[in-house]
């Protein structure tokens, strides 16, 4: 017999909560939050996965800027600046 969608969602939620407890108990909670951030998981999902009732906790305490994300941001900015150099500069002249 196939499980209902409601039963399947409950099962997934229970597994997720169990996984969060295991991560928390192992002392790797902060590492897990940073891993979510590095993986590009959106903040609202990370808040749910981490069990935070207040999104500020997720944003301010557990989501540290990792070296990986810092380097990724630098590369993105570098690429953007390189592309901008290829564009013709716009010069606005004021004629009196």
N, C-alpha and C. Protein backbone atom coordinates (compact mmCIF):
# COMPACT_ATOMS: atom_id res chain seq x y z
N UNK A 1 0.83 -1.18 0.00
CA UNK A 1 0.00 0.00 0.00
C UNK A 1 0.88 1.25 0.00
N UNK A 2 0.53 2.21 -0.84
CA UNK A 2 1.28 3.44 -0.93
C UNK A 2 0.91 4.38 0.21
N UNK A 3 1.92 5.08 0.72
CA UNK A 3 1.69 6.03 1.79
C UNK A 3 1.06 7.30 1.23
N UNK A 4 0.24 7.93 2.06
CA UNK A 4 -0.36 9.19 1.65
C UNK A 4 0.71 10.28 1.68
N UNK A 5 0.46 11.36 1.00
CA UNK A 5 1.39 12.49 0.99
C UNK A 5 1.59 13.01 2.41
N UNK A 6 0.51 13.08 3.17
CA UNK A 6 0.59 13.55 4.55
C UNK A 6 1.50 12.66 5.38
N UNK A 7 1.36 11.34 5.22
CA UNK A 7 2.22 10.40 5.96
C UNK A 7 3.68 10.55 5.54
N UNK A 8 3.90 10.73 4.26
CA UNK A 8 5.27 10.86 3.74
C UNK A 8 5.92 12.15 4.26
N UNK A 9 5.16 13.25 4.27
CA UNK A 9 5.68 14.53 4.79
C UNK A 9 6.02 14.38 6.26
N UNK A 10 5.16 13.72 7.02
CA UNK A 10 5.40 13.50 8.46
C UNK A 10 6.68 12.69 8.65
N UNK A 11 6.84 11.66 7.83
CA UNK A 11 8.03 10.81 7.92
C UNK A 11 9.30 11.62 7.63
N UNK A 12 9.27 12.45 6.61
CA UNK A 12 10.42 13.28 6.25
C UNK A 12 10.71 14.28 7.37
N UNK A 13 9.67 14.90 7.91
CA UNK A 13 9.83 15.86 9.00
C UNK A 13 10.42 15.19 10.23
N UNK A 14 9.93 14.01 10.56
CA UNK A 14 10.48 13.27 11.71
C UNK A 14 11.95 12.94 11.50
N UNK A 15 12.30 12.50 10.28
CA UNK A 15 13.70 12.19 9.96
C UNK A 15 14.57 13.44 10.08
N UNK A 16 14.06 14.56 9.60
CA UNK A 16 14.79 15.82 9.66
C UNK A 16 15.01 16.23 11.11
N UNK A 17 13.97 16.15 11.93
CA UNK A 17 14.10 16.51 13.34
C UNK A 17 15.09 15.60 14.06
N UNK A 18 15.07 14.31 13.74
CA UNK A 18 16.01 13.37 14.33
C UNK A 18 17.44 13.73 13.92
N UNK A 19 17.61 14.06 12.65
CA UNK A 19 18.92 14.45 12.14
C UNK A 19 19.44 15.71 12.81
N UNK A 20 18.56 16.68 13.02
CA UNK A 20 18.94 17.92 13.69
C UNK A 20 19.38 17.63 15.12
N UNK A 21 18.63 16.79 15.81
CA UNK A 21 19.01 16.43 17.19
C UNK A 21 20.38 15.78 17.22
N UNK A 22 20.64 14.88 16.28
CA UNK A 22 21.93 14.20 16.23
C UNK A 22 23.07 15.19 15.96
N UNK A 23 22.82 16.14 15.05
CA UNK A 23 23.84 17.15 14.75
C UNK A 23 24.09 18.00 15.98
N UNK A 24 23.01 18.42 16.64
CA UNK A 24 23.13 19.28 17.83
C UNK A 24 23.88 18.54 18.94
N UNK A 25 23.52 17.30 19.17
CA UNK A 25 24.14 16.52 20.24
C UNK A 25 25.61 16.22 19.95
N UNK A 26 25.98 16.18 18.70
CA UNK A 26 27.36 15.87 18.35
C UNK A 26 28.26 17.10 18.41
N UNK A 27 27.68 18.27 18.67
CA UNK A 27 28.47 19.49 18.73
C UNK A 27 28.79 20.07 17.37
N UNK A 28 28.11 19.61 16.35
CA UNK A 28 28.38 20.07 14.99
C UNK A 28 27.27 20.97 14.46
N UNK A 29 26.49 21.54 15.34
CA UNK A 29 25.33 22.35 14.96
C UNK A 29 25.74 23.56 14.13
N UNK A 30 26.75 24.28 14.61
CA UNK A 30 27.21 25.47 13.90
C UNK A 30 27.80 25.09 12.55
N UNK A 31 28.51 23.98 12.52
CA UNK A 31 29.11 23.49 11.27
C UNK A 31 28.00 23.14 10.27
N UNK A 32 26.93 22.55 10.75
CA UNK A 32 25.79 22.20 9.90
C UNK A 32 25.16 23.47 9.31
N UNK A 33 24.99 24.49 10.13
CA UNK A 33 24.42 25.75 9.65
C UNK A 33 25.29 26.37 8.57
N UNK A 34 26.59 26.36 8.80
CA UNK A 34 27.52 26.92 7.81
C UNK A 34 27.49 26.10 6.52
N UNK A 35 27.37 24.79 6.65
CA UNK A 35 27.28 23.92 5.48
C UNK A 35 26.02 24.25 4.67
N UNK A 36 24.90 24.48 5.34
CA UNK A 36 23.67 24.87 4.65
C UNK A 36 23.89 26.16 3.88
N UNK A 37 24.54 27.12 4.53
CA UNK A 37 24.83 28.42 3.92
C UNK A 37 25.71 28.24 2.69
N UNK A 38 26.78 27.46 2.82
CA UNK A 38 27.69 27.22 1.70
C UNK A 38 27.00 26.52 0.53
N UNK A 39 26.03 25.68 0.85
CA UNK A 39 25.32 24.94 -0.19
C UNK A 39 24.28 25.81 -0.90
N UNK A 40 24.09 27.03 -0.41
CA UNK A 40 23.14 27.93 -1.06
C UNK A 40 21.70 27.72 -0.61
N UNK A 41 21.51 27.03 0.52
CA UNK A 41 20.16 26.83 1.04
C UNK A 41 19.63 28.19 1.49
N UNK A 42 18.42 28.53 1.05
CA UNK A 42 17.86 29.83 1.41
C UNK A 42 17.65 29.93 2.92
N UNK A 43 17.65 31.15 3.42
CA UNK A 43 17.63 31.39 4.87
C UNK A 43 16.37 30.85 5.53
N UNK A 44 15.22 30.99 4.88
CA UNK A 44 13.97 30.49 5.47
C UNK A 44 14.02 28.97 5.63
N UNK A 45 14.56 28.27 4.65
CA UNK A 45 14.69 26.81 4.76
C UNK A 45 15.68 26.45 5.85
N UNK A 46 16.81 27.16 5.90
CA UNK A 46 17.81 26.90 6.93
C UNK A 46 17.21 27.13 8.32
N UNK A 47 16.41 28.17 8.46
CA UNK A 47 15.76 28.45 9.73
C UNK A 47 14.92 27.24 10.16
N UNK A 48 14.18 26.69 9.23
CA UNK A 48 13.34 25.53 9.53
C UNK A 48 14.20 24.31 9.86
N UNK A 49 15.22 24.06 9.04
CA UNK A 49 16.08 22.89 9.25
C UNK A 49 16.80 22.95 10.60
N UNK A 50 17.14 24.18 11.02
CA UNK A 50 17.87 24.36 12.28
C UNK A 50 16.94 24.47 13.49
N UNK A 51 15.65 24.60 13.23
CA UNK A 51 14.68 24.67 14.31
C UNK A 51 14.62 26.01 15.02
N UNK A 52 15.01 27.07 14.32
CA UNK A 52 14.96 28.41 14.92
C UNK A 52 13.58 29.02 14.75
N UNK A 53 13.02 29.54 15.84
CA UNK A 53 11.73 30.22 15.73
C UNK A 53 11.92 31.65 15.21
N UNK A 54 13.10 32.22 15.42
CA UNK A 54 13.40 33.59 15.00
C UNK A 54 14.50 33.55 13.94
N UNK A 55 14.20 34.09 12.77
CA UNK A 55 15.17 34.06 11.66
C UNK A 55 16.44 34.84 12.00
N UNK A 56 16.34 35.81 12.90
CA UNK A 56 17.52 36.58 13.30
C UNK A 56 18.58 35.67 13.93
N UNK A 57 18.15 34.64 14.62
CA UNK A 57 19.10 33.69 15.22
C UNK A 57 19.89 33.02 14.10
N UNK A 58 19.19 32.60 13.07
CA UNK A 58 19.85 31.96 11.93
C UNK A 58 20.82 32.92 11.27
N UNK A 59 20.38 34.14 11.04
CA UNK A 59 21.20 35.12 10.32
C UNK A 59 22.40 35.59 11.14
N UNK A 60 22.21 35.89 12.40
CA UNK A 60 23.25 36.53 13.19
C UNK A 60 24.21 35.58 13.91
N UNK A 61 23.72 34.45 14.34
CA UNK A 61 24.55 33.60 15.18
C UNK A 61 25.20 32.46 14.40
N UNK A 62 24.41 31.71 13.65
CA UNK A 62 24.91 30.47 13.09
C UNK A 62 25.41 30.54 11.66
N UNK A 63 25.04 31.54 10.92
CA UNK A 63 25.44 31.59 9.52
C UNK A 63 26.67 32.47 9.37
N UNK A 64 27.82 31.92 9.70
CA UNK A 64 29.08 32.65 9.59
C UNK A 64 29.52 32.65 8.14
N UNK A 65 30.15 33.74 7.73
CA UNK A 65 30.69 33.80 6.38
C UNK A 65 31.90 32.89 6.32
N UNK A 66 31.78 31.82 5.60
CA UNK A 66 32.88 30.87 5.50
C UNK A 66 33.89 31.35 4.46
N UNK A 67 35.06 30.78 4.53
CA UNK A 67 36.11 31.11 3.55
C UNK A 67 35.63 30.78 2.14
N UNK A 68 34.90 29.68 1.99
CA UNK A 68 34.37 29.28 0.70
C UNK A 68 33.45 30.36 0.13
N UNK A 69 32.50 30.84 0.94
CA UNK A 69 31.56 31.86 0.47
C UNK A 69 32.27 33.18 0.22
N UNK A 70 33.24 33.49 1.04
CA UNK A 70 34.00 34.74 0.85
C UNK A 70 34.73 34.70 -0.49
N UNK A 71 35.39 33.58 -0.78
CA UNK A 71 36.10 33.45 -2.06
C UNK A 71 35.14 33.45 -3.23
N UNK A 72 33.97 32.83 -3.06
CA UNK A 72 32.95 32.81 -4.11
C UNK A 72 32.47 34.24 -4.39
N UNK A 73 32.26 35.03 -3.36
CA UNK A 73 31.82 36.41 -3.53
C UNK A 73 32.88 37.25 -4.23
N UNK A 74 34.14 37.04 -3.87
CA UNK A 74 35.24 37.77 -4.51
C UNK A 74 35.32 37.44 -5.99
N UNK A 75 35.19 36.14 -6.32
CA UNK A 75 35.22 35.73 -7.74
C UNK A 75 34.05 36.34 -8.52
N UNK A 76 32.86 36.37 -7.90
CA UNK A 76 31.69 36.94 -8.56
C UNK A 76 31.89 38.43 -8.84
N UNK A 77 32.42 39.14 -7.86
CA UNK A 77 32.67 40.57 -8.04
C UNK A 77 33.74 40.79 -9.10
N UNK A 78 34.79 39.99 -9.07
CA UNK A 78 35.86 40.09 -10.05
C UNK A 78 35.32 39.89 -11.47
N UNK A 79 34.49 38.86 -11.65
CA UNK A 79 33.89 38.60 -12.97
C UNK A 79 33.01 39.77 -13.41
N UNK A 80 32.25 40.32 -12.48
CA UNK A 80 31.38 41.45 -12.81
C UNK A 80 32.20 42.65 -13.27
N UNK A 81 33.28 42.92 -12.56
CA UNK A 81 34.13 44.05 -12.92
C UNK A 81 34.80 43.83 -14.27
N UNK A 82 35.20 42.61 -14.57
CA UNK A 82 35.80 42.30 -15.87
C UNK A 82 34.80 42.54 -17.00
N UNK A 83 33.56 42.13 -16.78
CA UNK A 83 32.50 42.33 -17.78
C UNK A 83 32.23 43.82 -17.98
N UNK A 84 32.26 44.58 -16.92
CA UNK A 84 32.00 46.02 -17.01
C UNK A 84 33.08 46.71 -17.83
N UNK A 85 34.32 46.21 -17.76
CA UNK A 85 35.41 46.82 -18.53
C UNK A 85 35.19 46.66 -20.03
N UNK A 86 34.47 45.61 -20.41
CA UNK A 86 34.19 45.35 -21.82
C UNK A 86 33.14 46.30 -22.38
N UNK A 87 32.33 46.90 -21.51
CA UNK A 87 31.27 47.81 -21.95
C UNK A 87 31.88 49.18 -22.24
N UNK A 88 31.34 49.86 -23.25
CA UNK A 88 31.85 51.21 -23.50
C UNK A 88 31.45 52.14 -22.34
N UNK A 89 32.37 53.01 -21.99
CA UNK A 89 32.07 53.95 -20.91
C UNK A 89 31.14 55.02 -21.42
N UNK A 90 30.24 55.42 -20.59
CA UNK A 90 29.29 56.47 -20.94
C UNK A 90 29.85 57.77 -20.36
N UNK A 91 29.99 58.74 -21.20
CA UNK A 91 30.50 60.02 -20.76
C UNK A 91 29.41 61.06 -20.96
N UNK A 92 29.00 61.67 -19.89
CA UNK A 92 27.98 62.70 -19.97
C UNK A 92 28.67 64.06 -19.98
N UNK A 93 28.43 64.81 -21.03
CA UNK A 93 29.02 66.14 -21.13
C UNK A 93 27.92 67.17 -20.91
N UNK A 94 28.25 68.15 -20.16
CA UNK A 94 27.29 69.22 -19.93
C UNK A 94 27.70 70.40 -20.83
N UNK A 95 26.83 70.71 -21.75
CA UNK A 95 27.10 71.80 -22.68
C UNK A 95 26.46 73.07 -22.14
N UNK A 96 27.27 74.11 -22.02
CA UNK A 96 26.75 75.40 -21.53
C UNK A 96 26.36 76.29 -22.65
